[in-house]
Amino acid sequence: MHRSKPILLFVFSIILFAGLSCKGGKSAGQEGNSTTDTTAVWPLWEEVTLEILDSSVLNLLAAEPLVQKLGAGYSWPEGPVWVESEEMLLFTDVPENVIYSWDEENGARVYLEKSGYTGAEEYSTEQGANGLIIDATGQLVMCQHGNRAVARMEASLKDPKPEYSLLVSDYQGKAFNSPNDLCLSKDGNIYFTDPPYGLPGQENSEIKELDFQGVYQWNPDSGLELIYDGLTRPNGIALSPDESHLYVANSDHEKALWMVFERNEEGRFVDGRVFYDATANLDEGPGLPDGLKVDQHGNIFATGPGGVWIFNPSLEPLGILKVGQPMANCALDEKRGWLYMTANDYLLRAKLNTAN
């Protein structure tokens, strides 16, 4: 019997194992290895469908989208942001009070502990940081559930430390609920949402000071302004490319919807209206309207019932990318054409047709 192939395979396996051992073990949540062939390294996510509502969605995604698994085993990953200067993704694990980094070479690893709560004792089941952005100076800014603030990390991106400046933590002297998600305008305004998810007991918390869940604008010079207080669970938030419109998700089973606000001549966002009510679409699959991002062309990628909903700039639904898991949030790397997704306890990414 010819056995040369099994012997060669055995020898190759030993060499491969030794090579990987020399590189060191994987960090928590890591998948794949460190080669540069990004379509082969990371395992495919098999449970993928694209529900096509309008054929133009195929300009953004393939009919059979390529989705990869980049990490697993998180409690509830959230708030992903692509950091082009470092060619890495940052994302939070809210219950664990941790921020992770992910890059092609190292995979996922712990980036920052005490990300959203710096107290000594346990505060709540969702006390960590949530939404993340990189500001104009290249510093990390985050929504901190436990500290009930929008804060800036004072350390550099290359050497992260749990050292923060609280940018804003109250409205008219009353502490925020738990700032959730945020976005940044070209003129330095930070827009953020403030649902009660991070409070112990949420809306029934004894330490809740505000009787509403707000959508806010904050500017380092002009201060804080309430945009809207009529949503039950304001969550994801994003600006259109020309910053004339502000999009906000509401994560409520009874009012699962997305709103849009228009900028008036004074630069304020007013005239909020529902642009899509997904309450009747909850049977599409797990999840609620949550995090969202907007690409350079104005297309909206919004996590919601069943997966990532894709809307065109006219706010018409084009399709739903479904992966069989509740989606929390997403981030875009438009240069390389990837949509990163935090889904239940996984970190995933989908290949887009729009790489620059």
Foldseek 3Di string as FASTA:
>chain_A
DDCVVVVVVVVVVVVVVVVVVVVPDAAAFAAFAQDPPVLPGFAWQDQKAKFFPAVCCCQWAPRGWTKGFGGFDAQFKAAWEQDVVVQWIWIDRQQQQFIWIAHRHRGIHTQEHNAQHDDDDDFASGFHWHHWDQFPVRWIWTFHFNQQATWTFPDHSVRGYPDIDGQDADDPPQGAQTWHYWDADPVGKIKTWTFNVSHHVGQPHPRHGDNFIFIWIAHSVPGIDTQDGPANAWAAWEAFLVRQKIKIAGFDLQFQFIWIFGQDPVRHTDDIDTLDTCNVVLVLADEGFHHWYADNQGWIFTFHRQATWIAHNVRHTGIGIHSRFRWHYWYDDQQQAKIWTGGRRTIMIIGISRHD
